[in-house]
Amino acid sequence: MKSFGLTLILILALAVINVPAAIANAPISGQQPNLAVDSKGTIRMAYGAGEKIYCASSTDNGNTFLKPVLVATLPGMQLGHSRGPQIASSTRFSMITAMDKEGNITSYKLDHTKGIWTKTGTLNDVPRSAPEGLMALTADKENNFYATWLDVRLADKNNIFFSSFDAKLQNWTKNTLVYQSPDEHVCECCKPNIAFNGNKLVISFRNWLLGSRDIYYTSSSNKGKTFTKPLKSGNGTWKLDGCPMDGGGLSISDKGLISAAWQRNGDIYYWTENQTEKKVATGRGVTMTQNSDNPMIAWQEKGNVMVMNLNKNTSKEIGKGSSIRLYTLNNAKLLCVWEDDKNIHYLTL
């Protein structure tokens, strides 16, 4: 009886001082989370569960997420090892892309004013050309979307292809080859990255060149109509007869400088244009984001989720898991999401 009375007093005391509810960071059942933040600050998380694509939204800067919405069921959807639904948001729309095991990319669009997801078609214009299931998606503020992926239409070898969703035409443009390695293919199991900021569009990928698997990047200043000759990020190299299954992270500063973070033989490096690469940690599965000129990275180290402020050179462990993604919110805070045993965890920093 005394125990019950003490428990009741404790519950009432917690209510009075307004302790945040534990459900605020309760895990979500699913895999391969990806986020997008629209101009109004609404966060949308896309993820997969079996062959189903879900989207969960947050309007309180990632403290809580509303009940997930079923976007679509995609038979044979690729899921796991950086494969899974990708999402991006513009001012008025959000877009999700997902890939099936036959090698086709399907896209779905959300009109923010209507709140209904609709299928917009198949992105790759050569059927079954994307069996690896690795791609990336981004958007600008003018409701255009940009996608890059590994594609085998050239001699059955994976290389970097690109398409954009035109806001006026409301369809995906003809697919274009961004890069074909002179050694026939890029790294076969590493996810490419794509980012847009200002008027700059950047794609990064792990190359396969002269026996090395290094991170390269290419940029466009005309929304993907043309791209620059790919250049290597950093100055070191990684001779490797195999695929590390690790595509690294990419960001563009407000000044237009391109930055990348990646792992090389278990060491994590950070690099930005006109500077020398620097080793910052050990681990794998690197992701990054940037708020103004403040780059942040996250990675997996011995099963732990680590986050680092590169300007301050400080890092901390925030959980256990893999498939980590790090995002900058409209209020300049960070939101980190990751997967552990088919459960999605998230934390605002």
Protein backbone atom coordinates (compact mmCIF):
# COMPACT_ATOMS: atom_id res chain seq x y z
CA MET A 1 0.00 0.00 0.00
CA LYS A 2 2.84 2.36 0.88
CA SER A 3 4.57 1.39 -2.36
CA PHE A 4 1.45 2.29 -4.34
CA GLY A 5 1.21 5.67 -2.60
CA LEU A 6 4.84 6.53 -3.38
CA THR A 7 4.37 5.52 -7.00
CA LEU A 8 1.30 7.76 -7.31
CA ILE A 9 3.15 10.70 -5.78
CA LEU A 10 6.05 10.20 -8.21
CA ILE A 11 3.72 10.08 -11.22
CA LEU A 12 1.99 13.30 -10.15
CA ALA A 13 5.33 15.01 -9.54
CA LEU A 14 6.57 14.11 -13.02
CA ALA A 15 3.38 15.46 -14.55
CA VAL A 16 3.78 18.77 -12.71
CA ILE A 17 7.35 19.36 -13.93
CA ASN A 18 6.36 18.28 -17.47
CA VAL A 19 8.95 15.57 -18.10
CA PRO A 20 8.90 14.71 -21.85
CA ALA A 21 7.10 11.45 -22.61
CA ALA A 22 9.33 8.48 -23.38
CA ILE A 23 7.32 7.78 -26.54
CA ALA A 24 8.91 10.84 -28.17
CA ASN A 25 11.80 8.66 -29.33
CA ALA A 26 10.02 5.31 -29.44
CA PRO A 27 11.40 3.12 -32.26
CA ILE A 28 9.41 2.62 -35.47
CA SER A 29 9.22 -0.86 -36.98
CA GLY A 30 10.96 -0.72 -40.37
CA GLN A 31 14.24 -0.53 -42.25
CA GLN A 32 16.42 1.90 -44.19
CA PRO A 33 15.09 5.29 -43.01
CA ASN A 34 15.59 8.40 -45.10
CA LEU A 35 14.39 11.93 -44.31
CA ALA A 36 13.40 15.08 -46.13
CA VAL A 37 12.52 18.49 -44.69
CA ASP A 38 10.27 20.88 -46.62
CA SER A 39 10.34 24.69 -46.54
CA LYS A 40 7.74 24.81 -43.75
CA GLY A 41 9.81 22.54 -41.53
CA THR A 42 7.71 19.39 -41.91
CA ILE A 43 9.93 16.32 -41.71
CA ARG A 44 9.00 13.23 -43.69
CA MET A 45 10.64 9.87 -43.06
CA ALA A 46 10.44 7.22 -45.78
CA TYR A 47 11.28 3.63 -44.95
CA GLY A 48 10.48 0.07 -45.93
CA ALA A 49 8.91 -2.94 -44.24
CA GLY A 50 8.96 -6.03 -46.42
CA GLU A 51 7.49 -4.88 -49.75
CA LYS A 52 5.65 -1.91 -48.27
CA ILE A 53 6.78 1.72 -48.44
CA TYR A 54 5.80 3.96 -45.53
CA CYS A 55 6.08 7.65 -44.78
CA ALA A 56 5.89 9.12 -41.26
CA SER A 57 5.72 12.88 -40.70
CA SER A 58 6.86 15.16 -37.88
CA THR A 59 5.75 18.75 -37.33
CA ASP A 60 7.66 19.29 -34.06
CA ASN A 61 11.25 19.13 -35.33
CA GLY A 62 11.56 15.38 -34.99
CA ASN A 63 10.52 15.04 -31.36
CA THR A 64 7.59 12.84 -32.38
CA PHE A 65 6.32 11.29 -35.59
CA LEU A 66 2.70 10.86 -36.58
CA LYS A 67 1.22 7.47 -37.49
CA PRO A 68 2.96 6.22 -40.67
CA VAL A 69 1.07 6.34 -43.97
CA LEU A 70 1.28 3.46 -46.44
CA VAL A 71 2.61 4.98 -49.65
CA ALA A 72 2.59 1.84 -51.81
CA THR A 73 3.36 -1.85 -52.02
CA LEU A 74 6.24 -2.62 -54.38
CA PRO A 75 6.66 -6.35 -55.14
CA GLY A 76 10.28 -7.44 -54.79
CA MET A 77 11.42 -4.12 -53.30
CA GLN A 78 15.14 -3.84 -52.58
CA LEU A 79 15.71 -3.32 -48.86
CA GLY A 80 18.84 -3.41 -46.70
CA HIS A 81 22.52 -2.47 -47.13
CA SER A 82 21.73 1.14 -48.20
CA ARG A 83 18.94 -0.12 -50.46
CA GLY A 84 15.46 1.15 -49.73
CA PRO A 85 13.06 4.05 -50.38
CA GLN A 86 14.63 7.45 -51.00
CA ILE A 87 12.80 10.71 -50.27
CA ALA A 88 13.24 14.40 -51.09
CA SER A 89 11.03 17.45 -50.53
CA SER A 90 10.64 20.68 -52.49
CA THR A 91 8.42 23.62 -51.59
CA ARG A 92 5.16 22.03 -52.72
CA PHE A 93 5.91 18.33 -53.27
CA SER A 94 7.70 15.33 -51.83
CA MET A 95 8.98 12.44 -53.92
CA ILE A 96 9.82 8.85 -52.97
CA THR A 97 11.73 6.47 -55.23
CA ALA A 98 12.11 2.74 -54.66
CA MET A 99 13.80 -0.05 -56.61
CA ASP A 100 12.73 -3.64 -57.18
CA LYS A 101 14.92 -6.70 -57.65
CA GLU A 102 14.18 -6.82 -61.37
CA GLY A 103 16.00 -3.50 -61.71
CA ASN A 104 13.24 -0.94 -62.10
CA ILE A 105 12.84 2.34 -60.20
CA THR A 106 9.32 3.47 -59.31
CA SER A 107 8.52 6.96 -58.08
CA TYR A 108 5.66 8.34 -55.98
CA LYS A 109 4.78 12.01 -55.48
CA LEU A 110 2.99 13.80 -52.62
CA ASP A 111 1.23 17.12 -53.14
CA HIS A 112 1.62 18.81 -49.74
CA THR A 113 -1.70 20.62 -50.14
CA LYS A 114 -3.66 17.41 -50.88
CA GLY A 115 -1.84 14.92 -48.68
CA ILE A 116 -2.18 12.03 -51.13
CA TRP A 117 0.64 9.94 -52.58
CA THR A 118 0.34 9.08 -56.29
CA LYS A 119 2.51 6.92 -58.53
CA THR A 120 4.39 8.95 -61.13
CA GLY A 121 5.83 6.09 -63.15
CA THR A 122 9.12 4.32 -63.81
CA LEU A 123 12.24 6.42 -63.58
CA ASN A 124 14.75 4.32 -65.60
CA ASP A 125 13.85 4.45 -69.30
CA VAL A 126 15.63 1.15 -70.05
CA PRO A 127 13.74 -1.68 -68.32
CA ARG A 128 15.59 -3.70 -65.66
CA SER A 129 18.70 -1.50 -65.89
CA ALA A 130 19.07 -0.88 -62.11
CA PRO A 131 19.23 -4.33 -60.45
CA GLU A 132 21.83 -3.25 -57.86
CA GLY A 133 19.17 -1.20 -56.08
CA LEU A 134 21.41 1.74 -55.13
CA MET A 135 20.35 5.33 -55.79
CA ALA A 136 19.97 8.80 -54.27
CA LEU A 137 17.40 11.60 -54.59
CA THR A 138 17.32 15.35 -53.92
CA ALA A 139 15.22 18.41 -54.79
CA ASP A 140 15.46 22.16 -55.27
CA LYS A 141 13.06 24.85 -54.04
CA GLU A 142 11.43 25.14 -57.47
CA ASN A 143 9.79 21.70 -57.25
CA ASN A 144 12.33 19.94 -59.45
CA PHE A 145 13.73 16.58 -58.33
CA TYR A 146 17.06 14.96 -59.21
CA ALA A 147 18.03 11.29 -59.06
CA THR A 148 21.20 9.28 -59.61
CA TRP A 149 21.74 5.53 -59.51
CA LEU A 150 23.89 2.57 -60.51
CA ASP A 151 22.80 1.39 -63.96
CA VAL A 152 23.91 -1.64 -66.03
CA ARG A 153 22.55 -0.72 -69.47
CA LEU A 154 26.10 -0.37 -70.84
CA ALA A 155 27.64 -3.83 -71.33
CA ASP A 156 25.91 -5.06 -68.18
CA LYS A 157 28.31 -3.00 -66.02
CA ASN A 158 27.33 -0.58 -63.25
CA ASN A 159 27.90 3.08 -64.04
CA ILE A 160 26.41 6.41 -62.94
CA PHE A 161 23.16 7.57 -64.56
CA PHE A 162 20.96 10.60 -63.90
CA SER A 163 17.45 11.92 -64.47
CA SER A 164 15.40 14.87 -63.23
CA PHE A 165 11.70 15.34 -62.61
CA ASP A 166 10.70 18.54 -64.39
CA ALA A 167 8.26 20.67 -62.37
CA LYS A 168 6.60 22.07 -65.51
CA LEU A 169 6.38 18.87 -67.54
CA GLN A 170 5.64 16.71 -64.49
CA ASN A 171 7.68 13.75 -65.73
CA TRP A 172 11.17 12.28 -65.55
CA THR A 173 13.59 13.39 -68.24
CA LYS A 174 15.49 11.08 -70.57
CA ASN A 175 18.17 9.23 -68.61
CA THR A 176 21.73 10.43 -69.16
CA LEU A 177 25.11 8.87 -68.48
CA VAL A 178 27.04 10.94 -65.95
CA TYR A 179 30.13 8.75 -65.72
CA GLN A 180 31.44 5.49 -67.14
CA SER A 181 34.71 4.28 -65.68
CA PRO A 182 37.45 3.57 -68.25
CA ASP A 183 37.87 0.31 -66.32
CA GLU A 184 34.30 -0.58 -67.37
CA HIS A 185 32.40 0.04 -64.13
CA VAL A 186 32.25 2.00 -60.88
CA CYS A 187 32.18 0.30 -57.46
CA GLU A 188 29.26 -2.11 -57.76
CA CYS A 189 27.83 -2.11 -54.22
CA CYS A 190 28.35 1.48 -53.01
CA LYS A 191 25.43 3.89 -52.90
CA PRO A 192 25.95 7.15 -54.83
CA ASN A 193 25.00 10.51 -53.27
CA ILE A 194 23.34 13.60 -54.69
CA ALA A 195 22.89 17.10 -53.21
CA PHE A 196 21.54 20.49 -54.32
CA ASN A 197 22.27 23.90 -52.79
CA GLY A 198 22.01 27.35 -54.34
CA ASN A 199 22.39 26.64 -58.04
CA LYS A 200 24.81 23.72 -57.64
CA LEU A 201 23.92 20.08 -58.12
CA VAL A 202 26.55 17.52 -57.06
CA ILE A 203 26.81 13.74 -57.44
CA SER A 204 29.40 11.67 -55.59
CA PHE A 205 30.20 7.97 -56.01
CA ARG A 206 32.85 5.39 -55.25
CA ASN A 207 34.84 4.77 -58.41
CA TRP A 208 36.68 1.69 -59.66
CA LEU A 209 39.79 2.98 -61.40
CA LEU A 210 43.24 1.38 -61.79
CA GLY A 211 42.40 -1.03 -58.98
CA SER A 212 41.40 1.73 -56.53
CA ARG A 213 37.98 2.39 -55.01
CA ASP A 214 38.04 6.10 -54.17
CA ILE A 215 35.29 8.71 -53.83
CA TYR A 216 34.76 10.95 -56.87
CA TYR A 217 32.39 13.85 -57.47
CA THR A 218 30.94 15.80 -60.39
CA SER A 219 28.83 18.96 -60.39
CA SER A 220 26.32 20.80 -62.53
CA SER A 221 25.31 24.46 -62.58
CA ASN A 222 22.44 23.99 -65.05
CA LYS A 223 20.23 21.53 -63.16
CA GLY A 224 21.82 18.43 -64.60
CA LYS A 225 21.89 19.29 -68.29
CA THR A 226 25.68 18.94 -68.19
CA PHE A 227 28.18 17.77 -65.56
CA THR A 228 31.84 18.54 -64.99
CA LYS A 229 34.57 15.94 -65.43
CA PRO A 230 34.59 13.83 -62.23
CA LEU A 231 37.40 14.54 -59.76
CA LYS A 232 38.63 12.58 -56.77
CA SER A 233 37.74 13.71 -53.26
CA GLY A 234 40.84 13.94 -51.07
CA ASN A 235 44.35 12.86 -51.95
CA GLY A 236 44.76 9.29 -50.67
CA THR A 237 43.80 6.09 -52.47
CA TRP A 238 42.46 2.65 -51.60
CA LYS A 239 43.65 -0.32 -53.61
CA LEU A 240 40.98 -2.93 -53.02
CA ASP A 241 39.98 -6.12 -54.83
CA GLY A 242 36.40 -6.10 -53.59
CA CYS A 243 33.53 -3.78 -52.72
CA PRO A 244 33.37 -2.04 -49.30
CA MET A 245 29.60 -1.44 -49.65
CA ASP A 246 30.08 2.08 -48.31
CA GLY A 247 29.37 5.15 -50.43
CA GLY A 248 30.16 7.85 -47.85
CA GLY A 249 28.44 11.20 -47.40
CA LEU A 250 28.17 14.45 -49.37
CA SER A 251 27.25 18.08 -48.65
CA ILE A 252 27.40 21.54 -50.23
CA SER A 253 28.01 24.60 -48.06
CA ASP A 254 26.07 27.85 -48.46
CA LYS A 255 29.21 29.20 -50.16
CA GLY A 256 29.02 26.41 -52.72
CA LEU A 257 31.95 24.38 -51.44
CA ILE A 258 31.66 20.61 -51.84
CA SER A 259 32.52 18.38 -48.88
CA ALA A 260 32.68 14.61 -48.53
CA ALA A 261 33.22 12.05 -45.78
CA TRP A 262 33.98 8.37 -46.35
CA GLN A 263 35.81 5.36 -44.98
CA ARG A 264 39.04 4.00 -46.36
CA ASN A 265 40.21 0.69 -44.97
CA GLY A 266 38.35 1.27 -41.70
CA ASP A 267 39.50 4.87 -41.24
CA ILE A 268 37.09 7.79 -41.72
CA TYR A 269 38.19 10.84 -43.68
CA TYR A 270 36.71 14.28 -44.20
CA TRP A 271 37.55 16.57 -47.12
CA THR A 272 36.33 19.87 -48.51
CA GLU A 273 37.32 21.64 -51.71
CA ASN A 274 40.73 23.34 -51.73
CA GLN A 275 41.78 21.53 -48.55
CA THR A 276 43.68 18.37 -47.70
CA GLU A 277 41.72 15.37 -46.47
CA LYS A 278 42.01 14.56 -42.79
CA LYS A 279 41.42 11.40 -40.82
CA VAL A 280 38.80 12.01 -38.14
CA ALA A 281 37.79 8.59 -36.74
CA THR A 282 37.60 4.85 -37.34
CA GLY A 283 34.52 2.97 -38.47
CA ARG A 284 32.24 2.71 -41.50
CA GLY A 285 28.82 3.73 -42.86
CA VAL A 286 29.54 7.47 -42.95
CA THR A 287 26.86 10.12 -43.50
CA MET A 288 27.09 13.90 -43.26
CA THR A 289 25.17 17.16 -43.26
CA GLN A 290 26.04 20.84 -43.16
CA ASN A 291 24.48 23.92 -41.60
CA SER A 292 26.12 27.01 -43.06
CA ASP A 293 29.83 26.27 -42.59
CA ASN A 294 29.40 23.79 -39.76
CA PRO A 295 29.89 20.23 -41.13
CA MET A 296 28.67 17.29 -39.04
CA ILE A 297 29.24 13.60 -39.67
CA ALA A 298 27.85 10.38 -38.24
CA TRP A 299 29.09 6.81 -38.61
CA GLN A 300 29.05 3.32 -37.16
CA GLU A 301 31.90 2.26 -34.88
CA LYS A 302 31.82 -1.28 -33.43
CA GLY A 303 28.02 -1.25 -33.52
CA ASN A 304 27.76 2.22 -31.96
CA VAL A 305 26.21 5.26 -33.64
CA MET A 306 28.68 8.14 -33.43
CA VAL A 307 28.18 11.85 -34.25
CA MET A 308 30.96 14.41 -34.66
CA ASN A 309 31.09 18.20 -34.90
CA LEU A 310 34.05 18.65 -37.24
CA ASN A 311 34.65 22.32 -36.40
CA LYS A 312 34.86 21.56 -32.67
CA ASN A 313 36.45 18.12 -33.16
CA THR A 314 34.07 16.63 -30.60
CA SER A 315 32.17 13.37 -30.94
CA LYS A 316 29.72 11.33 -28.90
CA GLU A 317 27.89 8.02 -28.99
CA ILE A 318 24.10 8.30 -29.29
CA GLY A 319 22.92 4.71 -29.74
CA LYS A 320 23.44 1.29 -31.28
CA GLY A 321 22.81 0.35 -34.89
CA SER A 322 23.65 0.97 -38.56
CA SER A 323 22.19 2.53 -41.75
CA ILE A 324 22.72 5.96 -40.20
CA ARG A 325 21.45 9.19 -41.74
CA LEU A 326 22.07 12.73 -40.43
CA TYR A 327 20.04 15.81 -41.37
CA THR A 328 19.97 19.53 -40.63
CA LEU A 329 16.54 20.84 -39.63
CA ASN A 330 15.11 24.28 -40.38
CA ASN A 331 15.79 25.36 -36.78
CA ALA A 332 19.50 24.47 -37.30
CA LYS A 333 19.30 21.44 -35.00
CA LEU A 334 20.28 17.96 -36.16
CA LEU A 335 18.14 14.88 -36.52
CA CYS A 336 19.87 11.50 -36.66
CA VAL A 337 18.02 8.34 -37.71
CA TRP A 338 19.33 4.79 -37.78
CA GLU A 339 18.28 1.15 -37.88
CA ASP A 340 18.78 -1.58 -35.29
CA ASP A 341 17.24 -5.06 -35.60
CA LYS A 342 14.57 -3.83 -38.07
CA ASN A 343 13.59 -0.96 -35.80
CA ILE A 344 14.15 2.70 -36.70
CA HIS A 345 15.47 5.02 -33.98
CA TYR A 346 15.72 8.80 -34.10
CA LEU A 347 17.19 11.53 -31.95
CA THR A 348 17.25 15.32 -32.17
CA LEU A 349 20.62 16.87 -31.33
